[in-house]
Amino acid sequence: MPRVTVYHLTQPRRLPLIEEEGLRTRADMSGLLGPIDDFDRAAPGRYAHGKRVSGFVSLDHAKSTQEEFGAGLVSYTVDPAKTLANRASERAGDAAAYWSSARPLAAWQADGELPDDLEVHVNTPIRNKYLSLHAPLFGDDALGDFAPLVARFADDDRLSAKALMHLAIITADGDFDSPAFNAACALAWRDTEDEGDLIGELIQVDPDSVAAAALTEAEDDAPEAVAALRETLDETRQWAEENGTTPARALFMRTAMVLEEVGSAEG
């Protein structure tokens, strides 16, 4: 039976962890394994206790849950026979009734056209090969001063986008709801997957130099964001000197330190 693509929204801060660890999260992917609520407790077997991963069959409906779940867009594929599925509208009633009336996605497919709000639950982690991270659903307000940078580089210059992503993560300074961190996520993931080994190419040509050139190119479009990222670049070069390493390696090291904070905050 062909696998089916489902879509889910989550908080942007979850995206680096999802990419690194694979999906080992609860149903809505907005937290790790909780908090456990009445809806969780009513689920059968391994679907209970926050072990559930859930998505919608309709991308449009998934996008409509942004206010509830977050702007991070993730898709993955499921085996229709190894799921439980029910309409999201049924959540408004009794949780036990929702789960008792849930059926495998394959049964819904056999009935014909799927409801727009059909949500699909699996009770095992999603393997990386079935997983895709897409461009987050940010408007310009969420990106603030960084919006012109994202518009300029995110789709059209992936090498520069990846270099600026590192600077934006460091600039966020642990504020995972900030425009800088949002911009980092928007620069990192797009709807079209990167071709080849983009990180390897970035290392080869030197991310410090790529980022500096991109900032010079964009300073008229986004002066405030460029100033903030340039300050981070200067600080990173100083950090490299103080720690006996290269600016390129320092950029990756400082980024990793921030992402460790994301993991700590989620854990």
C-alpha atoms as a PDB file:
ATOM      1  CA  MET A   1       0.000   0.000   0.000  1.00  0.00           C
ATOM      2  CA  PRO A   2       1.531   3.383  -1.001  1.00  0.00           C
ATOM      3  CA  ARG A   3       2.652   5.656   1.807  1.00  0.00           C
ATOM      4  CA  VAL A   4       0.692   8.905   2.251  1.00  0.00           C
ATOM      5  CA  THR A   5       2.147  12.342   2.940  1.00  0.00           C
ATOM      6  CA  VAL A   6       0.794  14.199   5.945  1.00  0.00           C
ATOM      7  CA  TYR A   7       1.578  17.696   7.194  1.00  0.00           C
ATOM      8  CA  HIS A   8       2.110  19.162  10.612  1.00  0.00           C
ATOM      9  CA  LEU A   9       2.899  22.539  12.110  1.00  0.00           C
ATOM     10  CA  THR A  10       5.182  22.989  15.100  1.00  0.00           C
ATOM     11  CA  GLN A  11       7.079  25.709  16.929  1.00  0.00           C
ATOM     12  CA  PRO A  12      10.130  26.902  14.910  1.00  0.00           C
ATOM     13  CA  ARG A  13      12.440  26.151  17.839  1.00  0.00           C
ATOM     14  CA  ARG A  14      11.554  22.473  17.364  1.00  0.00           C
ATOM     15  CA  LEU A  15      12.853  22.346  13.774  1.00  0.00           C
ATOM     16  CA  PRO A  16      16.586  21.967  14.515  1.00  0.00           C
ATOM     17  CA  LEU A  17      15.840  19.196  16.994  1.00  0.00           C
ATOM     18  CA  ILE A  18      13.517  17.404  14.587  1.00  0.00           C
ATOM     19  CA  GLU A  19      16.180  17.537  11.906  1.00  0.00           C
ATOM     20  CA  GLU A  20      18.923  16.337  14.239  1.00  0.00           C
ATOM     21  CA  GLU A  21      17.099  13.668  16.176  1.00  0.00           C
ATOM     22  CA  GLY A  22      14.366  12.555  13.813  1.00  0.00           C
ATOM     23  CA  LEU A  23      10.810  12.670  15.052  1.00  0.00           C
ATOM     24  CA  ARG A  24      10.746  11.396  18.603  1.00  0.00           C
ATOM     25  CA  THR A  25       8.102  13.832  19.764  1.00  0.00           C
ATOM     26  CA  ARG A  26       4.513  13.858  20.942  1.00  0.00           C
ATOM     27  CA  ALA A  27       1.519  14.267  18.688  1.00  0.00           C
ATOM     28  CA  ASP A  28       1.564  17.950  17.905  1.00  0.00           C
ATOM     29  CA  MET A  29       5.378  18.217  17.970  1.00  0.00           C
ATOM     30  CA  SER A  30       5.116  21.407  20.017  1.00  0.00           C
ATOM     31  CA  GLY A  31       6.746  19.752  22.997  1.00  0.00           C
ATOM     32  CA  LEU A  32       8.815  16.691  23.692  1.00  0.00           C
ATOM     33  CA  LEU A  33       6.705  14.186  25.611  1.00  0.00           C
ATOM     34  CA  GLY A  34       4.070  16.324  27.235  1.00  0.00           C
ATOM     35  CA  PRO A  35       2.291  17.846  28.899  1.00  0.00           C
ATOM     36  CA  ILE A  36      -0.008  14.829  28.988  1.00  0.00           C
ATOM     37  CA  ASP A  37      -3.645  15.934  28.911  1.00  0.00           C
ATOM     38  CA  ASP A  38      -7.049  14.212  28.863  1.00  0.00           C
ATOM     39  CA  PHE A  39      -6.838  13.727  25.103  1.00  0.00           C
ATOM     40  CA  ASP A  40      -3.535  11.858  25.477  1.00  0.00           C
ATOM     41  CA  ARG A  41      -4.728   9.726  28.346  1.00  0.00           C
ATOM     42  CA  ALA A  42      -7.797   8.595  26.379  1.00  0.00           C
ATOM     43  CA  ALA A  43      -5.703   7.324  23.452  1.00  0.00           C
ATOM     44  CA  PRO A  44      -5.265   3.560  23.098  1.00  0.00           C
ATOM     45  CA  GLY A  45      -2.042   1.706  23.828  1.00  0.00           C
ATOM     46  CA  ARG A  46       1.168   3.337  22.603  1.00  0.00           C
ATOM     47  CA  TYR A  47      -0.777   6.294  21.200  1.00  0.00           C
ATOM     48  CA  ALA A  48      -1.200   7.508  24.775  1.00  0.00           C
ATOM     49  CA  HIS A  49       1.300   9.159  27.102  1.00  0.00           C
ATOM     50  CA  GLY A  50       2.724  11.570  24.518  1.00  0.00           C
ATOM     51  CA  LYS A  51       4.084   8.820  22.241  1.00  0.00           C
ATOM     52  CA  ARG A  52       1.908   9.937  19.329  1.00  0.00           C
ATOM     53  CA  VAL A  53       3.049  11.816  16.204  1.00  0.00           C
ATOM     54  CA  SER A  54       0.226  13.439  14.261  1.00  0.00           C
ATOM     55  CA  GLY A  55      -0.330  15.231  10.971  1.00  0.00           C
ATOM     56  CA  PHE A  56      -3.077  16.357   8.609  1.00  0.00           C
ATOM     57  CA  VAL A  57      -3.669  14.954   5.129  1.00  0.00           C
ATOM     58  CA  SER A  58      -4.572  18.457   3.900  1.00  0.00           C
ATOM     59  CA  LEU A  59      -1.770  21.027   3.675  1.00  0.00           C
ATOM     60  CA  ASP A  60      -4.307  23.853   3.662  1.00  0.00           C
ATOM     61  CA  HIS A  61      -5.897  22.591   6.857  1.00  0.00           C
ATOM     62  CA  ALA A  62      -2.504  22.123   8.480  1.00  0.00           C
ATOM     63  CA  LYS A  63      -1.666  25.739   7.664  1.00  0.00           C
ATOM     64  CA  SER A  64      -4.914  26.811   9.320  1.00  0.00           C
ATOM     65  CA  THR A  65      -3.584  25.451  12.640  1.00  0.00           C
ATOM     66  CA  GLN A  66      -0.626  27.855  12.674  1.00  0.00           C
ATOM     67  CA  GLU A  67      -1.967  29.962  15.518  1.00  0.00           C
ATOM     68  CA  GLU A  68      -2.412  26.849  17.642  1.00  0.00           C
ATOM     69  CA  PHE A  69       0.728  24.901  16.813  1.00  0.00           C
ATOM     70  CA  GLY A  70       3.331  27.245  15.287  1.00  0.00           C
ATOM     71  CA  ALA A  71       4.838  28.334  11.985  1.00  0.00           C
ATOM     72  CA  GLY A  72       7.236  25.408  11.469  1.00  0.00           C
ATOM     73  CA  LEU A  73       6.030  23.223   8.595  1.00  0.00           C
ATOM     74  CA  VAL A  74       6.958  19.542   8.541  1.00  0.00           C
ATOM     75  CA  SER A  75       5.776  16.719   6.299  1.00  0.00           C
ATOM     76  CA  TYR A  76       6.319  12.995   6.530  1.00  0.00           C
ATOM     77  CA  THR A  77       4.849   9.854   5.027  1.00  0.00           C
ATOM     78  CA  VAL A  78       2.876   7.149   6.793  1.00  0.00           C
ATOM     79  CA  ASP A  79       1.728   3.617   6.039  1.00  0.00           C
ATOM     80  CA  PRO A  80      -2.095   3.984   5.835  1.00  0.00           C
ATOM     81  CA  ALA A  81      -2.623   0.609   7.475  1.00  0.00           C
ATOM     82  CA  LYS A  82      -0.486   1.451  10.501  1.00  0.00           C
ATOM     83  CA  THR A  83      -2.274   4.603  11.672  1.00  0.00           C
ATOM     84  CA  LEU A  84      -5.328   5.861  13.459  1.00  0.00           C
ATOM     85  CA  ALA A  85      -7.234   8.713  11.815  1.00  0.00           C
ATOM     86  CA  ASN A  86     -10.232  10.847  12.647  1.00  0.00           C
ATOM     87  CA  ARG A  87     -11.615  14.273  11.827  1.00  0.00           C
ATOM     88  CA  ALA A  88     -10.158  17.146  13.827  1.00  0.00           C
ATOM     89  CA  SER A  89     -13.683  18.426  14.367  1.00  0.00           C
ATOM     90  CA  GLU A  90     -14.336  15.358  16.514  1.00  0.00           C
ATOM     91  CA  ARG A  91     -11.860  16.679  19.084  1.00  0.00           C
ATOM     92  CA  ALA A  92     -14.547  19.090  20.269  1.00  0.00           C
ATOM     93  CA  GLY A  93     -16.424  16.176  21.817  1.00  0.00           C
ATOM     94  CA  ASP A  94     -15.430  13.524  24.326  1.00  0.00           C
ATOM     95  CA  ALA A  95     -11.804  12.386  24.000  1.00  0.00           C
ATOM     96  CA  ALA A  96     -12.688   8.725  24.548  1.00  0.00           C
ATOM     97  CA  ALA A  97     -15.340   8.938  21.825  1.00  0.00           C
ATOM     98  CA  TYR A  98     -12.796  10.481  19.449  1.00  0.00           C
ATOM     99  CA  TRP A  99     -10.415   7.573  19.880  1.00  0.00           C
ATOM    100  CA  SER A 100     -13.091   4.874  19.813  1.00  0.00           C
ATOM    101  CA  SER A 101     -14.341   6.162  16.449  1.00  0.00           C
ATOM    102  CA  ALA A 102     -10.826   6.539  14.960  1.00  0.00           C
ATOM    103  CA  ARG A 103      -9.948   4.124  12.133  1.00  0.00           C
ATOM    104  CA  PRO A 104      -6.826   3.413  10.091  1.00  0.00           C
ATOM    105  CA  LEU A 105      -6.203   5.879   7.285  1.00  0.00           C
ATOM    106  CA  ALA A 106      -6.607   2.944   4.880  1.00  0.00           C
ATOM    107  CA  ALA A 107     -10.246   2.570   6.000  1.00  0.00           C
ATOM    108  CA  TRP A 108     -10.926   6.246   5.326  1.00  0.00           C
ATOM    109  CA  GLN A 109      -9.345   5.876   1.883  1.00  0.00           C
ATOM    110  CA  ALA A 110     -11.644   2.943   1.142  1.00  0.00           C
ATOM    111  CA  ASP A 111     -14.643   5.202   1.827  1.00  0.00           C
ATOM    112  CA  GLY A 112     -13.607   7.617  -0.951  1.00  0.00           C
ATOM    113  CA  GLU A 113     -12.611  11.280  -0.719  1.00  0.00           C
ATOM    114  CA  LEU A 114     -10.851  12.147   2.523  1.00  0.00           C
ATOM    115  CA  PRO A 115     -12.240  14.889   4.812  1.00  0.00           C
ATOM    116  CA  ASP A 116     -10.198  18.110   4.703  1.00  0.00           C
ATOM    117  CA  ASP A 117      -9.617  18.056   8.448  1.00  0.00           C
ATOM    118  CA  LEU A 118      -8.628  14.401   8.723  1.00  0.00           C
ATOM    119  CA  GLU A 119      -5.758  14.021  11.181  1.00  0.00           C
ATOM    120  CA  VAL A 120      -3.546  10.953  11.157  1.00  0.00           C
ATOM    121  CA  HIS A 121      -1.763   9.492  14.181  1.00  0.00           C
ATOM    122  CA  VAL A 122       1.149   7.067  14.321  1.00  0.00           C
ATOM    123  CA  ASN A 123       2.643   5.596  17.471  1.00  0.00           C
ATOM    124  CA  THR A 124       6.253   5.164  16.394  1.00  0.00           C
ATOM    125  CA  PRO A 125       8.953   7.728  15.556  1.00  0.00           C
ATOM    126  CA  ILE A 126       9.135   8.889  11.939  1.00  0.00           C
ATOM    127  CA  ARG A 127      12.333   7.788  10.231  1.00  0.00           C
ATOM    128  CA  ASN A 128      14.459  10.528   8.701  1.00  0.00           C
ATOM    129  CA  LYS A 129      14.083   9.162   5.180  1.00  0.00           C
ATOM    130  CA  TYR A 130      10.333   9.802   5.381  1.00  0.00           C
ATOM    131  CA  LEU A 131      10.708  13.321   6.791  1.00  0.00           C
ATOM    132  CA  SER A 132      10.945  16.768   5.169  1.00  0.00           C
ATOM    133  CA  LEU A 133      11.245  20.218   6.714  1.00  0.00           C
ATOM    134  CA  HIS A 134       9.763  23.037   4.666  1.00  0.00           C
ATOM    135  CA  ALA A 135       9.951  26.829   4.611  1.00  0.00           C
ATOM    136  CA  PRO A 136       8.398  28.089   7.861  1.00  0.00           C
ATOM    137  CA  LEU A 137       5.148  30.004   7.476  1.00  0.00           C
ATOM    138  CA  PHE A 138       6.481  33.382   8.603  1.00  0.00           C
ATOM    139  CA  GLY A 139       5.072  36.704   7.526  1.00  0.00           C
ATOM    140  CA  ASP A 140       7.250  39.791   7.430  1.00  0.00           C
ATOM    141  CA  ASP A 141       6.166  40.756  10.954  1.00  0.00           C
ATOM    142  CA  ALA A 142       7.700  37.581  12.393  1.00  0.00           C
ATOM    143  CA  LEU A 143      10.956  38.253  10.525  1.00  0.00           C
ATOM    144  CA  GLY A 144      11.156  41.953  11.405  1.00  0.00           C
ATOM    145  CA  ASP A 145      14.277  43.673  10.095  1.00  0.00           C
ATOM    146  CA  PHE A 146      15.474  40.340   8.685  1.00  0.00           C
ATOM    147  CA  ALA A 147      12.607  40.003   6.179  1.00  0.00           C
ATOM    148  CA  PRO A 148      14.536  41.609   3.275  1.00  0.00           C
ATOM    149  CA  LEU A 149      17.487  39.289   3.889  1.00  0.00           C
ATOM    150  CA  VAL A 150      15.241  36.235   3.768  1.00  0.00           C
ATOM    151  CA  ALA A 151      13.540  37.503   0.615  1.00  0.00           C
ATOM    152  CA  ARG A 152      16.878  38.166  -1.061  1.00  0.00           C
ATOM    153  CA  PHE A 153      18.795  34.992  -0.213  1.00  0.00           C
ATOM    154  CA  ALA A 154      16.569  32.188   1.090  1.00  0.00           C
ATOM    155  CA  ASP A 155      15.534  30.805  -2.286  1.00  0.00           C
ATOM    156  CA  ASP A 156      17.930  32.396  -4.761  1.00  0.00           C
ATOM    157  CA  ASP A 157      21.333  31.978  -3.073  1.00  0.00           C
ATOM    158  CA  ARG A 158      21.360  28.933  -0.857  1.00  0.00           C
ATOM    159  CA  LEU A 159      25.063  29.141  -0.074  1.00  0.00           C
ATOM    160  CA  SER A 160      24.742  32.681   1.288  1.00  0.00           C
ATOM    161  CA  ALA A 161      21.514  31.726   3.051  1.00  0.00           C
ATOM    162  CA  LYS A 162      23.255  28.929   4.940  1.00  0.00           C
ATOM    163  CA  ALA A 163      26.120  31.200   5.975  1.00  0.00           C
ATOM    164  CA  LEU A 164      23.727  33.918   7.170  1.00  0.00           C
ATOM    165  CA  MET A 165      21.687  31.280   8.990  1.00  0.00           C
ATOM    166  CA  HIS A 166      24.630  30.650  11.321  1.00  0.00           C
ATOM    167  CA  LEU A 167      25.024  34.351  12.052  1.00  0.00           C
ATOM    168  CA  ALA A 168      21.292  34.735  12.700  1.00  0.00           C
ATOM    169  CA  ILE A 169      21.254  31.808  15.158  1.00  0.00           C
ATOM    170  CA  ILE A 170      24.107  33.353  17.132  1.00  0.00           C
ATOM    171  CA  THR A 171      22.510  36.807  16.972  1.00  0.00           C
ATOM    172  CA  ALA A 172      19.294  35.424  18.475  1.00  0.00           C
ATOM    173  CA  ASP A 173      21.321  34.845  21.658  1.00  0.00           C
ATOM    174  CA  GLY A 174      18.963  32.240  23.080  1.00  0.00           C
ATOM    175  CA  ASP A 175      15.736  34.100  22.239  1.00  0.00           C
ATOM    176  CA  PHE A 176      14.045  31.379  20.200  1.00  0.00           C
ATOM    177  CA  ASP A 177      10.977  33.491  19.473  1.00  0.00           C
ATOM    178  CA  SER A 178      12.956  36.428  18.089  1.00  0.00           C
ATOM    179  CA  PRO A 179      13.002  37.694  14.486  1.00  0.00           C
ATOM    180  CA  ALA A 180      16.672  36.672  14.297  1.00  0.00           C
ATOM    181  CA  PHE A 181      15.921  33.051  15.166  1.00  0.00           C
ATOM    182  CA  ASN A 182      12.876  33.047  12.871  1.00  0.00           C
ATOM    183  CA  ALA A 183      15.096  34.325  10.077  1.00  0.00           C
ATOM    184  CA  ALA A 184      17.625  31.575  10.775  1.00  0.00           C
ATOM    185  CA  CYS A 185      14.884  28.968  10.362  1.00  0.00           C
ATOM    186  CA  ALA A 186      13.609  30.614   7.174  1.00  0.00           C
ATOM    187  CA  LEU A 187      17.132  30.686   5.749  1.00  0.00           C
ATOM    188  CA  ALA A 188      17.769  27.073   6.740  1.00  0.00           C
ATOM    189  CA  TRP A 189      14.730  25.288   5.315  1.00  0.00           C
ATOM    190  CA  ARG A 190      12.914  25.820   2.033  1.00  0.00           C
ATOM    191  CA  ASP A 191      10.207  23.907   0.204  1.00  0.00           C
ATOM    192  CA  THR A 192      12.749  22.646  -2.335  1.00  0.00           C
ATOM    193  CA  GLU A 193      15.487  20.513  -0.817  1.00  0.00           C
ATOM    194  CA  ASP A 194      19.074  21.671  -1.306  1.00  0.00           C
ATOM    195  CA  GLU A 195      21.040  19.922  -3.999  1.00  0.00           C
ATOM    196  CA  GLY A 196      24.349  18.263  -3.237  1.00  0.00           C
ATOM    197  CA  ASP A 197      26.413  18.791  -0.107  1.00  0.00           C
ATOM    198  CA  LEU A 198      25.730  22.460   0.549  1.00  0.00           C
ATOM    199  CA  ILE A 199      27.376  22.444   3.977  1.00  0.00           C
ATOM    200  CA  GLY A 200      30.459  20.785   2.532  1.00  0.00           C
ATOM    201  CA  GLU A 201      30.612  23.426  -0.174  1.00  0.00           C
ATOM    202  CA  LEU A 202      30.210  26.154   2.433  1.00  0.00           C
ATOM    203  CA  ILE A 203      33.102  24.762   4.458  1.00  0.00           C
ATOM    204  CA  GLN A 204      35.265  24.573   1.353  1.00  0.00           C
ATOM    205  CA  VAL A 205      34.701  28.199   0.315  1.00  0.00           C
ATOM    206  CA  ASP A 206      34.757  29.539   3.922  1.00  0.00           C
ATOM    207  CA  PRO A 207      31.436  30.513   5.596  1.00  0.00           C
ATOM    208  CA  ASP A 208      33.005  33.616   7.160  1.00  0.00           C
ATOM    209  CA  SER A 209      33.836  35.027   3.727  1.00  0.00           C
ATOM    210  CA  VAL A 210      30.478  34.002   2.226  1.00  0.00           C
ATOM    211  CA  ALA A 211      28.581  35.690   5.074  1.00  0.00           C
ATOM    212  CA  ALA A 212      30.676  38.872   4.841  1.00  0.00           C
ATOM    213  CA  ALA A 213      30.065  39.142   1.092  1.00  0.00           C
ATOM    214  CA  ALA A 214      26.327  38.586   1.516  1.00  0.00           C
ATOM    215  CA  LEU A 215      26.106  41.293   4.174  1.00  0.00           C
ATOM    216  CA  THR A 216      27.854  43.775   1.903  1.00  0.00           C
ATOM    217  CA  GLU A 217      25.462  42.887  -0.901  1.00  0.00           C
ATOM    218  CA  ALA A 218      22.361  43.387   1.247  1.00  0.00           C
ATOM    219  CA  GLU A 219      23.278  46.381   3.408  1.00  0.00           C
ATOM    220  CA  ASP A 220      21.075  48.791   1.411  1.00  0.00           C
ATOM    221  CA  ASP A 221      18.059  46.450   1.599  1.00  0.00           C
ATOM    222  CA  ALA A 222      18.238  45.564   5.289  1.00  0.00           C
ATOM    223  CA  PRO A 223      20.561  47.995   7.107  1.00  0.00           C
ATOM    224  CA  GLU A 224      19.397  47.117  10.639  1.00  0.00           C
ATOM    225  CA  ALA A 225      19.645  43.374  10.147  1.00  0.00           C
ATOM    226  CA  VAL A 226      22.983  43.674   8.364  1.00  0.00           C
ATOM    227  CA  ALA A 227      24.357  45.783  11.223  1.00  0.00           C
ATOM    228  CA  ALA A 228      23.257  43.178  13.784  1.00  0.00           C
ATOM    229  CA  LEU A 229      24.702  40.258  11.818  1.00  0.00           C
ATOM    230  CA  ARG A 230      27.922  42.149  11.064  1.00  0.00           C
ATOM    231  CA  GLU A 231      28.391  42.761  14.787  1.00  0.00           C
ATOM    232  CA  THR A 232      27.950  39.019  15.357  1.00  0.00           C
ATOM    233  CA  LEU A 233      30.471  38.292  12.607  1.00  0.00           C
ATOM    234  CA  ASP A 234      33.026  40.610  14.219  1.00  0.00           C
ATOM    235  CA  GLU A 235      32.403  39.042  17.629  1.00  0.00           C
ATOM    236  CA  THR A 236      32.840  35.572  16.135  1.00  0.00           C
ATOM    237  CA  ARG A 237      36.159  36.524  14.586  1.00  0.00           C
ATOM    238  CA  GLN A 238      37.297  37.853  17.961  1.00  0.00           C
ATOM    239  CA  TRP A 239      36.013  34.684  19.653  1.00  0.00           C
ATOM    240  CA  ALA A 240      38.023  32.608  17.154  1.00  0.00           C
ATOM    241  CA  GLU A 241      41.194  34.517  17.971  1.00  0.00           C
ATOM    242  CA  GLU A 242      40.653  34.155  21.703  1.00  0.00           C
ATOM    243  CA  ASN A 243      39.964  30.420  21.391  1.00  0.00           C
ATOM    244  CA  GLY A 244      42.742  29.591  18.965  1.00  0.00           C
ATOM    245  CA  THR A 245      40.602  28.570  16.033  1.00  0.00           C
ATOM    246  CA  THR A 246      39.585  29.875  12.615  1.00  0.00           C
ATOM    247  CA  PRO A 247      36.621  32.223  12.035  1.00  0.00           C
ATOM    248  CA  ALA A 248      34.943  29.533   9.925  1.00  0.00           C
ATOM    249  CA  ARG A 249      35.213  26.912  12.657  1.00  0.00           C
ATOM    250  CA  ALA A 250      34.166  29.466  15.269  1.00  0.00           C
ATOM    251  CA  LEU A 251      30.971  30.177  13.310  1.00  0.00           C
ATOM    252  CA  PHE A 252      29.978  26.521  13.434  1.00  0.00           C
ATOM    253  CA  MET A 253      31.040  26.126  17.053  1.00  0.00           C
ATOM    254  CA  ARG A 254      29.060  29.116  18.289  1.00  0.00           C
ATOM    255  CA  THR A 255      26.023  27.949  16.333  1.00  0.00           C
ATOM    256  CA  ALA A 256      26.254  24.513  17.934  1.00  0.00           C
ATOM    257  CA  MET A 257      26.400  26.109  21.373  1.00  0.00           C
ATOM    258  CA  VAL A 258      23.147  27.972  20.733  1.00  0.00           C
ATOM    259  CA  LEU A 259      21.410  24.872  19.402  1.00  0.00           C
ATOM    260  CA  GLU A 260      22.424  23.011  22.553  1.00  0.00           C
ATOM    261  CA  GLU A 261      20.462  25.663  24.430  1.00  0.00           C
ATOM    262  CA  VAL A 262      17.426  24.844  22.270  1.00  0.00           C
ATOM    263  CA  GLY A 263      17.698  21.225  23.302  1.00  0.00           C
ATOM    264  CA  SER A 264      18.031  22.157  26.950  1.00  0.00           C
ATOM    265  CA  ALA A 265      15.002  24.451  26.760  1.00  0.00           C
ATOM    266  CA  GLU A 266      12.884  21.709  25.146  1.00  0.00           C
ATOM    267  CA  GLY A 267      14.094  18.946  27.434  1.00  0.00           C
END
